[in-house]
PDB file of N, CA and C in Angstrom:
ATOM      1  N   UNK A   1       0.824  -1.191   0.000  1.00  0.00           N
ATOM      2  CA  UNK A   1       0.000   0.000   0.000  1.00  0.00           C
ATOM      3  C   UNK A   1       0.866   1.253   0.000  1.00  0.00           C
ATOM      4  N   UNK A   2       2.081   1.165   0.488  1.00  0.00           N
ATOM      5  CA  UNK A   2       2.963   2.336   0.483  1.00  0.00           C
ATOM      6  C   UNK A   2       3.305   2.719  -0.951  1.00  0.00           C
ATOM      7  N   UNK A   3       3.519   1.737  -1.807  1.00  0.00           N
ATOM      8  CA  UNK A   3       3.832   2.058  -3.198  1.00  0.00           C
ATOM      9  C   UNK A   3       2.584   2.421  -3.999  1.00  0.00           C
ATOM     10  N   UNK A   4       1.413   2.077  -3.502  1.00  0.00           N
ATOM     11  CA  UNK A   4       0.172   2.387  -4.213  1.00  0.00           C
ATOM     12  C   UNK A   4      -0.103   3.883  -4.219  1.00  0.00           C
ATOM     13  N   UNK A   5       0.168   4.580  -3.139  1.00  0.00           N
ATOM     14  CA  UNK A   5      -0.189   5.997  -3.020  1.00  0.00           C
ATOM     15  C   UNK A   5       0.556   6.857  -4.047  1.00  0.00           C
ATOM     16  N   UNK A   6       1.895   6.769  -4.185  1.00  0.00           N
ATOM     17  CA  UNK A   6       2.542   7.584  -5.224  1.00  0.00           C
ATOM     18  C   UNK A   6       2.126   7.200  -6.646  1.00  0.00           C
ATOM     19  N   UNK A   7       1.898   5.919  -6.881  1.00  0.00           N
ATOM     20  CA  UNK A   7       1.470   5.495  -8.211  1.00  0.00           C
ATOM     21  C   UNK A   7       0.076   6.015  -8.526  1.00  0.00           C
ATOM     22  N   UNK A   8      -0.786   6.034  -7.542  1.00  0.00           N
ATOM     23  CA  UNK A   8      -2.152   6.524  -7.739  1.00  0.00           C
ATOM     24  C   UNK A   8      -2.160   8.029  -7.984  1.00  0.00           C
ATOM     25  N   UNK A   9      -1.347   8.748  -7.251  1.00  0.00           N
ATOM     26  CA  UNK A   9      -1.317  10.206  -7.385  1.00  0.00           C
ATOM     27  C   UNK A   9      -0.692  10.618  -8.722  1.00  0.00           C
ATOM     28  N   UNK A  10       0.341   9.913  -9.161  1.00  0.00           N
ATOM     29  CA  UNK A  10       1.043  10.318 -10.368  1.00  0.00           C
ATOM     30  C   UNK A  10       0.423   9.774 -11.653  1.00  0.00           C
ATOM     31  N   UNK A  11      -0.551   8.875 -11.559  1.00  0.00           N
ATOM     32  CA  UNK A  11      -1.135   8.316 -12.783  1.00  0.00           C
ATOM     33  C   UNK A  11      -2.174   9.269 -13.358  1.00  0.00           C
ATOM     34  N   UNK A  12      -2.210   9.387 -14.698  1.00  0.00           N
ATOM     35  CA  UNK A  12      -3.211  10.258 -15.322  1.00  0.00           C
ATOM     36  C   UNK A  12      -4.617   9.680 -15.203  1.00  0.00           C
ATOM     37  N   UNK A  13      -5.597  10.454 -15.554  1.00  0.00           N
ATOM     38  CA  UNK A  13      -7.010  10.167 -15.319  1.00  0.00           C
ATOM     39  C   UNK A  13      -7.507   8.785 -15.642  1.00  0.00           C
ATOM     40  N   UNK A  14      -7.298   8.308 -16.861  1.00  0.00           N
ATOM     41  CA  UNK A  14      -7.888   7.022 -17.230  1.00  0.00           C
ATOM     42  C   UNK A  14      -7.123   5.829 -16.668  1.00  0.00           C
ATOM     43  N   UNK A  15      -5.896   6.045 -16.199  1.00  0.00           N
ATOM     44  CA  UNK A  15      -5.104   4.944 -15.653  1.00  0.00           C
ATOM     45  C   UNK A  15      -5.307   4.756 -14.148  1.00  0.00           C
ATOM     46  N   UNK A  16      -6.026   5.650 -13.494  1.00  0.00           N
ATOM     47  CA  UNK A  16      -6.231   5.503 -12.048  1.00  0.00           C
ATOM     48  C   UNK A  16      -7.050   4.260 -11.736  1.00  0.00           C
ATOM     49  N   UNK A  17      -7.997   3.940 -12.595  1.00  0.00           N
ATOM     50  CA  UNK A  17      -8.806   2.734 -12.378  1.00  0.00           C
ATOM     51  C   UNK A  17      -7.930   1.484 -12.496  1.00  0.00           C
ATOM     52  N   UNK A  18      -7.033   1.487 -13.476  1.00  0.00           N
ATOM     53  CA  UNK A  18      -6.132   0.339 -13.637  1.00  0.00           C
ATOM     54  C   UNK A  18      -5.206   0.210 -12.432  1.00  0.00           C
ATOM     55  N   UNK A  19      -4.748   1.321 -11.890  1.00  0.00           N
ATOM     56  CA  UNK A  19      -3.889   1.288 -10.707  1.00  0.00           C
ATOM     57  C   UNK A  19      -4.661   0.749  -9.513  1.00  0.00           C
ATOM     58  N   UNK A  20      -5.913   1.155  -9.354  1.00  0.00           N
ATOM     59  CA  UNK A  20      -6.752   0.647  -8.261  1.00  0.00           C
ATOM     60  C   UNK A  20      -6.964  -0.857  -8.387  1.00  0.00           C
ATOM     61  N   UNK A  21      -7.272  -1.308  -9.590  1.00  0.00           N
ATOM     62  CA  UNK A  21      -7.510  -2.742  -9.797  1.00  0.00           C
ATOM     63  C   UNK A  21      -6.240  -3.540  -9.530  1.00  0.00           C
ATOM     64  N   UNK A  22      -5.101  -3.043 -10.021  1.00  0.00           N
ATOM     65  CA  UNK A  22      -3.835  -3.730  -9.776  1.00  0.00           C
ATOM     66  C   UNK A  22      -3.520  -3.783  -8.288  1.00  0.00           C
ATOM     67  N   UNK A  23      -3.793  -2.701  -7.564  1.00  0.00           N
ATOM     68  CA  UNK A  23      -3.520  -2.687  -6.124  1.00  0.00           C
ATOM     69  C   UNK A  23      -4.404  -3.690  -5.392  1.00  0.00           C
ATOM     70  N   UNK A  24      -5.648  -3.790  -5.781  1.00  0.00           N
ATOM     71  CA  UNK A  24      -6.560  -4.750  -5.152  1.00  0.00           C
ATOM     72  C   UNK A  24      -6.109  -6.180  -5.438  1.00  0.00           C
ATOM     73  N   UNK A  25      -5.766  -6.462  -6.688  1.00  0.00           N
ATOM     74  CA  UNK A  25      -5.328  -7.814  -7.045  1.00  0.00           C
ATOM     75  C   UNK A  25      -4.004  -8.171  -6.381  1.00  0.00           C
ATOM     76  N   UNK A  26      -3.083  -7.222  -6.338  1.00  0.00           N
ATOM     77  CA  UNK A  26      -1.785  -7.497  -5.722  1.00  0.00           C
ATOM     78  C   UNK A  26      -1.915  -7.736  -4.226  1.00  0.00           C
ATOM     79  N   UNK A  27      -2.741  -6.940  -3.558  1.00  0.00           N
ATOM     80  CA  UNK A  27      -2.897  -7.150  -2.119  1.00  0.00           C
ATOM     81  C   UNK A  27      -3.644  -8.452  -1.822  1.00  0.00           C
ATOM     82  N   UNK A  28      -4.597  -8.813  -2.659  1.00  0.00           N
ATOM     83  CA  UNK A  28      -5.301 -10.084  -2.475  1.00  0.00           C
ATOM     84  C   UNK A  28      -4.360 -11.262  -2.683  1.00  0.00           C
ATOM     85  N   UNK A  29      -3.537 -11.180  -3.712  1.00  0.00           N
ATOM     86  CA  UNK A  29      -2.566 -12.244  -3.966  1.00  0.00           C
ATOM     87  C   UNK A  29      -1.559 -12.355  -2.826  1.00  0.00           C
ATOM     88  N   UNK A  30      -1.115 -11.224  -2.318  1.00  0.00           N
ATOM     89  CA  UNK A  30      -0.174 -11.240  -1.196  1.00  0.00           C
ATOM     90  C   UNK A  30      -0.777 -11.846   0.049  1.00  0.00           C
ATOM     91  N   UNK A  31      -2.016 -11.507   0.334  1.00  0.00           N
ATOM     92  CA  UNK A  31      -2.695 -12.052   1.508  1.00  0.00           C
ATOM     93  C   UNK A  31      -2.897 -13.557   1.375  1.00  0.00           C
ATOM     94  N   UNK A  32      -3.363 -13.993   0.223  1.00  0.00           N
ATOM     95  CA  UNK A  32      -3.566 -15.426   0.013  1.00  0.00           C
ATOM     96  C   UNK A  32      -2.247 -16.191   0.053  1.00  0.00           C
ATOM     97  N   UNK A  33      -1.191 -15.576  -0.465  1.00  0.00           N
ATOM     98  CA  UNK A  33       0.127 -16.224  -0.411  1.00  0.00           C
ATOM     99  C   UNK A  33       0.593 -16.401   1.024  1.00  0.00           C
ATOM    100  N   UNK A  34       0.404 -15.367   1.835  1.00  0.00           N
ATOM    101  CA  UNK A  34       0.832 -15.459   3.234  1.00  0.00           C
ATOM    102  C   UNK A  34       0.039 -16.517   4.001  1.00  0.00           C
ATOM    103  N   UNK A  35      -1.184 -16.768   3.581  1.00  0.00           N
ATOM    104  CA  UNK A  35      -2.006 -17.770   4.257  1.00  0.00           C
ATOM    105  C   UNK A  35      -1.659 -19.182   3.782  1.00  0.00           C
ATOM    106  N   UNK A  36      -1.545 -19.380   2.462  1.00  0.00           N
ATOM    107  CA  UNK A  36      -1.473 -20.733   1.925  1.00  0.00           C
ATOM    108  C   UNK A  36      -0.071 -21.254   1.642  1.00  0.00           C
ATOM    109  N   UNK A  37       0.913 -20.403   1.437  1.00  0.00           N
ATOM    110  CA  UNK A  37       2.264 -20.895   1.149  1.00  0.00           C
ATOM    111  C   UNK A  37       2.837 -21.702   2.311  1.00  0.00           C
ATOM    112  N   UNK A  38       2.715 -21.247   3.573  1.00  0.00           N
ATOM    113  CA  UNK A  38       3.223 -22.099   4.662  1.00  0.00           C
ATOM    114  C   UNK A  38       2.508 -23.448   4.763  1.00  0.00           C
ATOM    115  N   UNK A  39       1.217 -23.470   4.487  1.00  0.00           N
ATOM    116  CA  UNK A  39       0.478 -24.726   4.541  1.00  0.00           C
ATOM    117  C   UNK A  39       0.933 -25.677   3.438  1.00  0.00           C
ATOM    118  N   UNK A  40       1.113 -25.144   2.232  1.00  0.00           N
ATOM    119  CA  UNK A  40       1.592 -25.975   1.128  1.00  0.00           C
ATOM    120  C   UNK A  40       3.010 -26.448   1.383  1.00  0.00           C
ATOM    121  N   UNK A  41       3.831 -25.636   2.019  1.00  0.00           N
ATOM    122  CA  UNK A  41       5.197 -26.032   2.353  1.00  0.00           C
ATOM    123  C   UNK A  41       5.189 -27.246   3.283  1.00  0.00           C
ATOM    124  N   UNK A  42       4.342 -27.194   4.314  1.00  0.00           N
ATOM    125  CA  UNK A  42       4.263 -28.322   5.251  1.00  0.00           C
ATOM    126  C   UNK A  42       3.720 -29.564   4.551  1.00  0.00           C
ATOM    127  N   UNK A  43       2.683 -29.406   3.756  1.00  0.00           N
ATOM    128  CA  UNK A  43       2.051 -30.561   3.118  1.00  0.00           C
ATOM    129  C   UNK A  43       2.982 -31.210   2.101  1.00  0.00           C
ATOM    130  N   UNK A  44       3.653 -30.390   1.288  1.00  0.00           N
ATOM    131  CA  UNK A  44       4.457 -30.951   0.207  1.00  0.00           C
ATOM    132  C   UNK A  44       5.884 -31.306   0.607  1.00  0.00           C
ATOM    133  N   UNK A  45       6.524 -30.488   1.429  1.00  0.00           N
ATOM    134  CA  UNK A  45       7.947 -30.690   1.708  1.00  0.00           C
ATOM    135  C   UNK A  45       8.241 -31.279   3.086  1.00  0.00           C
ATOM    136  N   UNK A  46       7.316 -31.187   4.014  1.00  0.00           N
ATOM    137  CA  UNK A  46       7.508 -31.737   5.356  1.00  0.00           C
ATOM    138  C   UNK A  46       6.319 -32.623   5.746  1.00  0.00           C
ATOM    139  N   UNK A  47       6.089 -33.717   5.038  1.00  0.00           N
ATOM    140  CA  UNK A  47       4.900 -34.543   5.330  1.00  0.00           C
ATOM    141  C   UNK A  47       4.942 -35.186   6.718  1.00  0.00           C
ATOM    142  N   UNK A  48       6.132 -35.352   7.309  1.00  0.00           N
ATOM    143  CA  UNK A  48       6.206 -35.947   8.646  1.00  0.00           C
ATOM    144  C   UNK A  48       5.610 -35.007   9.706  1.00  0.00           C
ATOM    145  N   UNK A  49       5.546 -33.726   9.426  1.00  0.00           N
ATOM    146  CA  UNK A  49       4.942 -32.784  10.374  1.00  0.00           C
ATOM    147  C   UNK A  49       3.441 -32.610  10.154  1.00  0.00           C
ATOM    148  N   UNK A  50       2.916 -33.236   9.129  1.00  0.00           N
ATOM    149  CA  UNK A  50       1.507 -33.094   8.797  1.00  0.00           C
ATOM    150  C   UNK A  50       0.693 -34.226   9.423  1.00  0.00           C
ATOM    151  N   UNK A  51       0.677 -34.263  10.741  1.00  0.00           N
ATOM    152  CA  UNK A  51      -0.150 -35.242  11.436  1.00  0.00           C
ATOM    153  C   UNK A  51      -0.758 -34.593  12.682  1.00  0.00           C
ATOM    154  N   UNK A  52      -1.742 -35.230  13.225  1.00  0.00           N
ATOM    155  CA  UNK A  52      -2.474 -34.649  14.348  1.00  0.00           C
ATOM    156  C   UNK A  52      -1.599 -34.530  15.588  1.00  0.00           C
ATOM    157  N   UNK A  53      -0.735 -35.490  15.795  1.00  0.00           N
ATOM    158  CA  UNK A  53       0.121 -35.478  16.976  1.00  0.00           C
ATOM    159  C   UNK A  53       1.047 -34.263  16.970  1.00  0.00           C
ATOM    160  N   UNK A  54       1.594 -33.965  15.826  1.00  0.00           N
ATOM    161  CA  UNK A  54       2.495 -32.813  15.728  1.00  0.00           C
ATOM    162  C   UNK A  54       1.719 -31.503  15.801  1.00  0.00           C
ATOM    163  N   UNK A  55       0.562 -31.451  15.181  1.00  0.00           N
ATOM    164  CA  UNK A  55      -0.225 -30.221  15.166  1.00  0.00           C
ATOM    165  C   UNK A  55      -0.762 -29.853  16.545  1.00  0.00           C
ATOM    166  N   UNK A  56      -1.032 -30.856  17.368  1.00  0.00           N
ATOM    167  CA  UNK A  56      -1.563 -30.590  18.706  1.00  0.00           C
ATOM    168  C   UNK A  56      -0.451 -30.264  19.700  1.00  0.00           C
ATOM    169  N   UNK A  57       0.791 -30.357  19.295  1.00  0.00           N
ATOM    170  CA  UNK A  57       1.911 -29.986  20.147  1.00  0.00           C
ATOM    171  C   UNK A  57       2.268 -31.014  21.196  1.00  0.00           C
ATOM    172  N   UNK A  58       2.001 -32.287  20.939  1.00  0.00           N
ATOM    173  CA  UNK A  58       2.262 -33.332  21.926  1.00  0.00           C
ATOM    174  C   UNK A  58       3.607 -34.009  21.702  1.00  0.00           C
ATOM    175  N   UNK A  59       4.381 -33.544  20.763  1.00  0.00           N
ATOM    176  CA  UNK A  59       5.681 -34.152  20.508  1.00  0.00           C
ATOM    177  C   UNK A  59       6.708 -33.626  21.502  1.00  0.00           C
ATOM    178  N   UNK A  60       7.693 -34.437  21.780  1.00  0.00           N
ATOM    179  CA  UNK A  60       8.742 -34.016  22.690  1.00  0.00           C
ATOM    180  C   UNK A  60       9.737 -33.136  21.982  1.00  0.00           C
ATOM    181  N   UNK A  61      10.538 -32.404  22.716  1.00  0.00           N
ATOM    182  CA  UNK A  61      11.535 -31.515  22.142  1.00  0.00           C
ATOM    183  C   UNK A  61      12.656 -32.283  21.457  1.00  0.00           C
ATOM    184  N   UNK A  62      12.900 -33.528  21.846  1.00  0.00           N
ATOM    185  CA  UNK A  62      13.982 -34.304  21.252  1.00  0.00           C
ATOM    186  C   UNK A  62      13.704 -34.636  19.798  1.00  0.00           C
ATOM    187  N   UNK A  63      12.440 -34.787  19.423  1.00  0.00           N
ATOM    188  CA  UNK A  63      12.134 -35.169  18.066  1.00  0.00           C
ATOM    189  C   UNK A  63      12.120 -33.976  17.109  1.00  0.00           C
ATOM    190  N   UNK A  64      12.168 -32.794  17.601  1.00  0.00           N
ATOM    191  CA  UNK A  64      12.190 -31.622  16.717  1.00  0.00           C
ATOM    192  C   UNK A  64      13.569 -31.434  16.212  1.00  0.00           C
TER     193      UNK A  64
END
C-alpha cells in the first residue's frame, strides 16, 4: 500500500482505475500467499509434520 499511493497520485485520469484494480489484485494475492504458502510447504515438503500429533503440540523436544 505504500507504493500504491505515489502510483495513484502520479497516474493520469484514465489509468487511475487500472492502478486501483492492480492494487486490489496485488494485495489479495499477497494475503492469500501469506495464508497458503506455509500450509503448502508443510504438506508438500515436510509430510512428517503433517499429522495430528504434531499439530496438537504433543511431541517431545527431542524429536524436533
